[in-house]
Amino acid sequence: MNPGFQFKQFYVRHDRCAMKVGTDGVLLGCWAETPHLPCSVLDIGTGSGLVALMLAQRSPEALIDAIDIDESAVNQAAENFAASPWSDRLHTFHARLQDWQIVHRTSSPRTLPYDLIVSNPPYFQNSLKNPDSGRKQARHTDTLSYEELFAHSTRLLRTGGRLALILPAEEEEHARLLADSNGLFLTRVTRVFSKESKPARRVLLCFCKPASRNTDTSKQRDFVPHEDTLVLENEKGGRSAAYQELTKDFYL
């Protein structure tokens, strides 16, 4: 097994992480809208630190906190951060999102509230559990439900802040309802297809925290989010032109 993955400007070791470097993380790291500089970012469930590293490359003045409940992953992410060109702006913590505001007070007082929160969250809610405890923890919502993800993210975002997620395509409507119940409104949607002939497998969603929930409710009803699609493979089975363009600053 390859212990890591080489990108253009950094290397990610993932041999001690339950979830390896994969397409979902790369998509989120490329797609999430980075705020005006300087900014603060929280990566929830960082794993190897891939998404945080990608955002550090894209946003030269961002201060990035990365949290995970898997201690092995946190330790490996810390090593990946230390070996990167942006080690002074990347900080990783062994913490649950549910406890992060309390832990944050002594750990990373510079960044709260956040301009951007990103997450490639656990997403298998009703499937069989993987016998490997680390992989199970990383892939299932037992330790972080979607309801908790939206509620705590809303609390940690500053006014005008963004929440960017990648989810299974079938969870889009559920995510929209949870965002609405937490006073967030959808600004952008990209549905991801492995091939044109197949159904969408993932959806990338970006939500915004308005200045006032009451004031912006009527605006939200009238607001039409930007929607598009992304097909990952061309007819020959290689990366599509659109996927190559999205990832051109990262893939070798």
Protein backbone atom coordinates (compact mmCIF):
# COMPACT_ATOMS: atom_id res chain seq x y z
CA MET A 1 0.00 0.00 0.00
CA ASN A 2 1.25 3.46 -0.86
CA PRO A 3 1.84 5.32 2.43
CA GLY A 4 0.91 8.67 0.93
CA PHE A 5 0.06 10.85 -2.04
CA GLN A 6 2.21 13.47 -3.75
CA PHE A 7 0.55 16.71 -4.85
CA LYS A 8 2.28 19.58 -6.66
CA GLN A 9 3.20 21.55 -3.54
CA PHE A 10 2.87 19.06 -0.69
CA TYR A 11 2.92 15.39 0.26
CA VAL A 12 0.20 13.71 2.35
CA ARG A 13 1.01 10.58 4.33
CA HIS A 14 -2.14 8.63 5.21
CA ASP A 15 -0.92 5.19 6.32
CA ARG A 16 -2.09 5.80 9.91
CA CYS A 17 -5.46 7.28 8.94
CA ALA A 18 -8.65 5.24 8.69
CA MET A 19 -9.73 7.16 5.59
CA LYS A 20 -7.13 7.61 2.86
CA VAL A 21 -6.62 10.46 0.42
CA GLY A 22 -9.53 10.24 -2.01
CA THR A 23 -11.55 12.06 -4.62
CA ASP A 24 -14.10 13.46 -2.16
CA GLY A 25 -11.49 15.35 -0.16
CA VAL A 26 -9.75 16.62 -3.29
CA LEU A 27 -13.06 17.89 -4.69
CA LEU A 28 -13.93 19.74 -1.49
CA GLY A 29 -10.46 21.25 -1.18
CA CYS A 30 -10.61 22.59 -4.74
CA TRP A 31 -14.27 23.65 -4.73
CA ALA A 32 -14.80 25.40 -1.38
CA GLU A 33 -14.91 29.17 -1.79
CA THR A 34 -12.02 30.74 0.10
CA PRO A 35 -12.97 34.06 1.77
CA HIS A 36 -11.28 37.41 1.32
CA LEU A 37 -7.90 37.52 3.02
CA PRO A 38 -7.06 37.25 5.82
CA CYS A 39 -9.50 34.64 7.07
CA SER A 40 -9.98 31.82 9.56
CA VAL A 41 -10.98 28.28 8.58
CA LEU A 42 -12.12 25.18 10.46
CA ASP A 43 -11.74 21.71 8.91
CA ILE A 44 -14.04 19.25 10.69
CA GLY A 45 -12.87 15.62 10.56
CA THR A 46 -9.55 16.50 8.97
CA GLY A 47 -8.18 12.93 8.73
CA SER A 48 -4.77 13.20 7.06
CA GLY A 49 -5.17 16.98 6.78
CA LEU A 50 -5.68 16.93 3.00
CA VAL A 51 -8.46 19.54 2.76
CA ALA A 52 -6.73 21.87 5.23
CA LEU A 53 -3.51 21.67 3.22
CA MET A 54 -5.33 22.42 -0.02
CA LEU A 55 -7.02 25.46 1.52
CA ALA A 56 -3.70 26.67 2.93
CA GLN A 57 -2.24 26.53 -0.58
CA ARG A 58 -5.22 28.36 -2.08
CA SER A 59 -5.54 31.03 0.62
CA PRO A 60 -2.10 32.44 1.47
CA GLU A 61 -3.12 34.26 4.67
CA ALA A 62 -5.70 31.86 6.08
CA LEU A 63 -5.33 30.55 9.63
CA ILE A 64 -6.63 26.99 9.65
CA ASP A 65 -7.74 24.83 12.57
CA ALA A 66 -8.21 21.13 11.82
CA ILE A 67 -9.98 18.81 14.27
CA ASP A 68 -10.59 15.07 14.40
CA ILE A 69 -11.65 12.52 16.99
CA ASP A 70 -9.14 9.92 15.72
CA GLU A 71 -5.89 10.54 17.61
CA SER A 72 -3.78 8.63 15.07
CA ALA A 73 -5.17 10.76 12.26
CA VAL A 74 -4.54 13.95 14.24
CA ASN A 75 -0.92 12.97 14.83
CA GLN A 76 -0.41 12.18 11.16
CA ALA A 77 -2.10 15.40 10.06
CA ALA A 78 0.22 17.32 12.39
CA GLU A 79 3.22 15.67 10.71
CA ASN A 80 1.83 16.50 7.26
CA PHE A 81 1.27 20.10 8.32
CA ALA A 82 4.79 20.40 9.75
CA ALA A 83 6.29 19.12 6.48
CA SER A 84 4.28 21.56 4.35
CA PRO A 85 5.19 25.12 3.27
CA TRP A 86 2.36 26.46 5.48
CA SER A 87 3.19 24.92 8.85
CA ASP A 88 2.85 28.25 10.66
CA ARG A 89 -0.80 28.62 9.59
CA LEU A 90 -2.03 25.05 10.09
CA HIS A 91 -2.98 23.71 13.53
CA THR A 92 -4.51 20.35 14.33
CA PHE A 93 -6.34 19.27 17.48
CA HIS A 94 -7.68 16.03 18.93
CA ALA A 95 -11.23 17.20 19.63
CA ARG A 96 -14.89 16.60 18.90
CA LEU A 97 -16.85 19.31 17.10
CA GLN A 98 -19.38 19.19 19.95
CA ASP A 99 -16.63 20.25 22.41
CA TRP A 100 -14.60 22.49 20.14
CA GLN A 101 -15.72 25.88 21.42
CA ILE A 102 -14.66 24.93 24.96
CA VAL A 103 -11.35 23.40 23.82
CA HIS A 104 -10.76 26.33 21.48
CA ARG A 105 -10.65 28.89 24.29
CA THR A 106 -7.26 27.62 25.40
CA SER A 107 -6.02 26.00 22.18
CA SER A 108 -6.51 28.44 19.31
CA PRO A 109 -7.88 31.80 20.47
CA ARG A 110 -6.98 33.60 17.24
CA THR A 111 -9.50 32.09 14.88
CA LEU A 112 -13.03 31.94 16.37
CA PRO A 113 -15.53 32.67 14.86
CA TYR A 114 -14.73 31.25 11.43
CA ASP A 115 -15.06 32.72 7.95
CA LEU A 116 -15.21 29.23 6.41
CA ILE A 117 -15.99 25.79 7.79
CA VAL A 118 -15.41 22.72 5.62
CA SER A 119 -16.17 19.07 6.19
CA ASN A 120 -16.09 15.78 4.36
CA PRO A 121 -18.21 14.24 7.13
CA PRO A 122 -19.11 10.67 8.11
CA TYR A 123 -21.94 9.77 5.80
CA PHE A 124 -23.16 6.19 6.10
CA GLN A 125 -26.16 6.46 8.42
CA ASN A 126 -27.93 3.15 7.93
CA SER A 127 -25.43 0.77 6.34
CA LEU A 128 -23.58 -2.13 7.95
CA LYS A 129 -20.78 -1.02 10.25
CA ASN A 130 -17.22 -1.69 9.17
CA PRO A 131 -15.49 -4.04 11.67
CA ASP A 132 -12.41 -1.78 11.66
CA SER A 133 -13.18 0.71 14.45
CA GLY A 134 -11.18 3.58 12.96
CA ARG A 135 -12.70 3.25 9.51
CA LYS A 136 -16.17 2.80 11.03
CA GLN A 137 -15.72 5.96 13.08
CA ALA A 138 -14.58 7.90 10.02
CA ARG A 139 -17.40 6.71 7.74
CA HIS A 140 -20.49 6.61 9.96
CA THR A 141 -22.54 9.38 11.56
CA ASP A 142 -22.66 7.70 15.00
CA THR A 143 -20.11 10.16 16.41
CA LEU A 144 -21.28 13.25 14.49
CA SER A 145 -24.82 13.44 13.13
CA TYR A 146 -25.77 15.79 10.34
CA GLU A 147 -27.98 17.63 12.83
CA GLU A 148 -24.99 18.25 15.10
CA LEU A 149 -22.78 19.21 12.18
CA PHE A 150 -25.16 21.96 11.05
CA ALA A 151 -26.03 23.22 14.53
CA HIS A 152 -22.44 23.53 15.75
CA SER A 153 -21.14 24.88 12.44
CA THR A 154 -23.78 27.62 12.49
CA ARG A 155 -22.73 28.57 16.02
CA LEU A 156 -19.04 28.71 15.07
CA LEU A 157 -19.48 30.77 11.87
CA ARG A 158 -19.21 34.52 11.79
CA THR A 159 -21.90 36.60 10.05
CA GLY A 160 -21.43 36.11 6.32
CA GLY A 161 -19.37 32.95 6.91
CA ARG A 162 -19.66 29.89 4.70
CA LEU A 163 -20.15 26.17 5.36
CA ALA A 164 -18.92 23.91 2.53
CA LEU A 165 -19.64 20.18 2.50
CA ILE A 166 -19.39 17.15 0.26
CA LEU A 167 -22.15 14.60 0.84
CA PRO A 168 -23.76 11.59 -0.86
CA ALA A 169 -26.12 12.89 -3.53
CA GLU A 170 -29.12 11.37 -1.77
CA GLU A 171 -28.49 13.54 1.30
CA GLU A 172 -28.94 16.86 -0.54
CA GLU A 173 -32.56 17.45 0.48
CA HIS A 174 -31.85 16.49 4.09
CA ALA A 175 -28.93 18.92 4.18
CA ARG A 176 -31.06 21.71 2.73
CA LEU A 177 -33.71 21.18 5.41
CA LEU A 178 -31.14 21.18 8.21
CA ALA A 179 -29.53 24.34 6.85
CA ASP A 180 -32.89 26.07 6.70
CA SER A 181 -33.73 25.07 10.28
CA ASN A 182 -30.39 26.55 11.42
CA GLY A 183 -30.87 29.83 9.55
CA LEU A 184 -28.33 29.11 6.81
CA PHE A 185 -29.11 29.62 3.15
CA LEU A 186 -27.78 27.71 0.18
CA THR A 187 -25.58 29.68 -2.23
CA ARG A 188 -24.03 27.03 -4.47
CA VAL A 189 -24.59 23.41 -5.52
CA THR A 190 -22.44 21.14 -7.67
CA ARG A 191 -23.69 17.62 -8.37
CA VAL A 192 -20.86 15.19 -9.06
CA PHE A 193 -21.16 12.33 -11.56
CA SER A 194 -18.51 9.66 -12.08
CA LYS A 195 -19.76 9.33 -15.70
CA GLU A 196 -22.44 11.14 -17.69
CA SER A 197 -24.43 7.91 -18.00
CA LYS A 198 -24.62 7.30 -14.23
CA PRO A 199 -26.60 9.02 -11.46
CA ALA A 200 -24.93 11.68 -9.35
CA ARG A 201 -22.83 10.09 -6.57
CA ARG A 202 -21.87 13.18 -4.54
CA VAL A 203 -23.06 16.74 -4.05
CA LEU A 204 -21.00 19.76 -3.06
CA LEU A 205 -22.99 22.33 -1.07
CA CYS A 206 -22.13 25.82 0.16
CA PHE A 207 -24.28 27.59 2.77
CA CYS A 208 -24.04 31.14 4.11
CA LYS A 209 -24.82 32.50 7.58
CA PRO A 210 -26.85 35.72 7.11
CA ALA A 211 -26.58 38.83 9.26
CA SER A 212 -30.03 38.22 10.72
CA ARG A 213 -32.12 35.08 10.51
CA ASN A 214 -35.36 37.07 10.59
CA THR A 215 -34.22 39.71 8.13
CA ASP A 216 -32.90 37.28 5.57
CA THR A 217 -35.74 34.76 5.60
CA SER A 218 -37.62 36.55 2.84
CA LYS A 219 -34.40 37.08 0.87
CA GLN A 220 -33.62 33.38 1.16
CA ARG A 221 -36.96 32.47 -0.42
CA ASP A 222 -36.13 34.66 -3.42
CA PHE A 223 -32.45 33.70 -3.67
CA VAL A 224 -31.58 31.18 -6.38
CA PRO A 225 -28.32 29.32 -5.64
CA HIS A 226 -25.82 28.74 -8.40
CA GLU A 227 -26.20 25.14 -9.59
CA ASP A 228 -23.96 23.14 -11.89
CA THR A 229 -22.62 19.64 -12.49
CA LEU A 230 -19.21 18.01 -12.65
CA VAL A 231 -18.46 14.78 -14.51
CA LEU A 232 -15.23 13.16 -13.32
CA GLU A 233 -14.47 10.75 -16.18
CA ASN A 234 -14.29 11.24 -19.94
CA GLU A 235 -15.42 8.66 -22.47
CA LYS A 236 -12.02 6.92 -22.28
CA GLY A 237 -12.15 6.55 -18.50
CA GLY A 238 -9.58 9.26 -17.76
CA ARG A 239 -10.11 12.54 -15.93
CA SER A 240 -12.55 14.80 -17.71
CA ALA A 241 -11.45 18.23 -18.94
CA ALA A 242 -13.60 19.89 -16.26
CA TYR A 243 -12.09 17.75 -13.49
CA GLN A 244 -8.58 18.46 -14.76
CA GLU A 245 -9.29 22.18 -14.77
CA LEU A 246 -10.66 22.10 -11.21
CA THR A 247 -7.66 20.18 -9.86
CA LYS A 248 -4.88 21.63 -12.04
CA ASP A 249 -3.13 23.37 -9.12
CA PHE A 250 -2.87 20.10 -7.15
CA TYR A 251 -2.60 16.93 -9.22
CA LEU A 252 0.76 16.17 -10.83
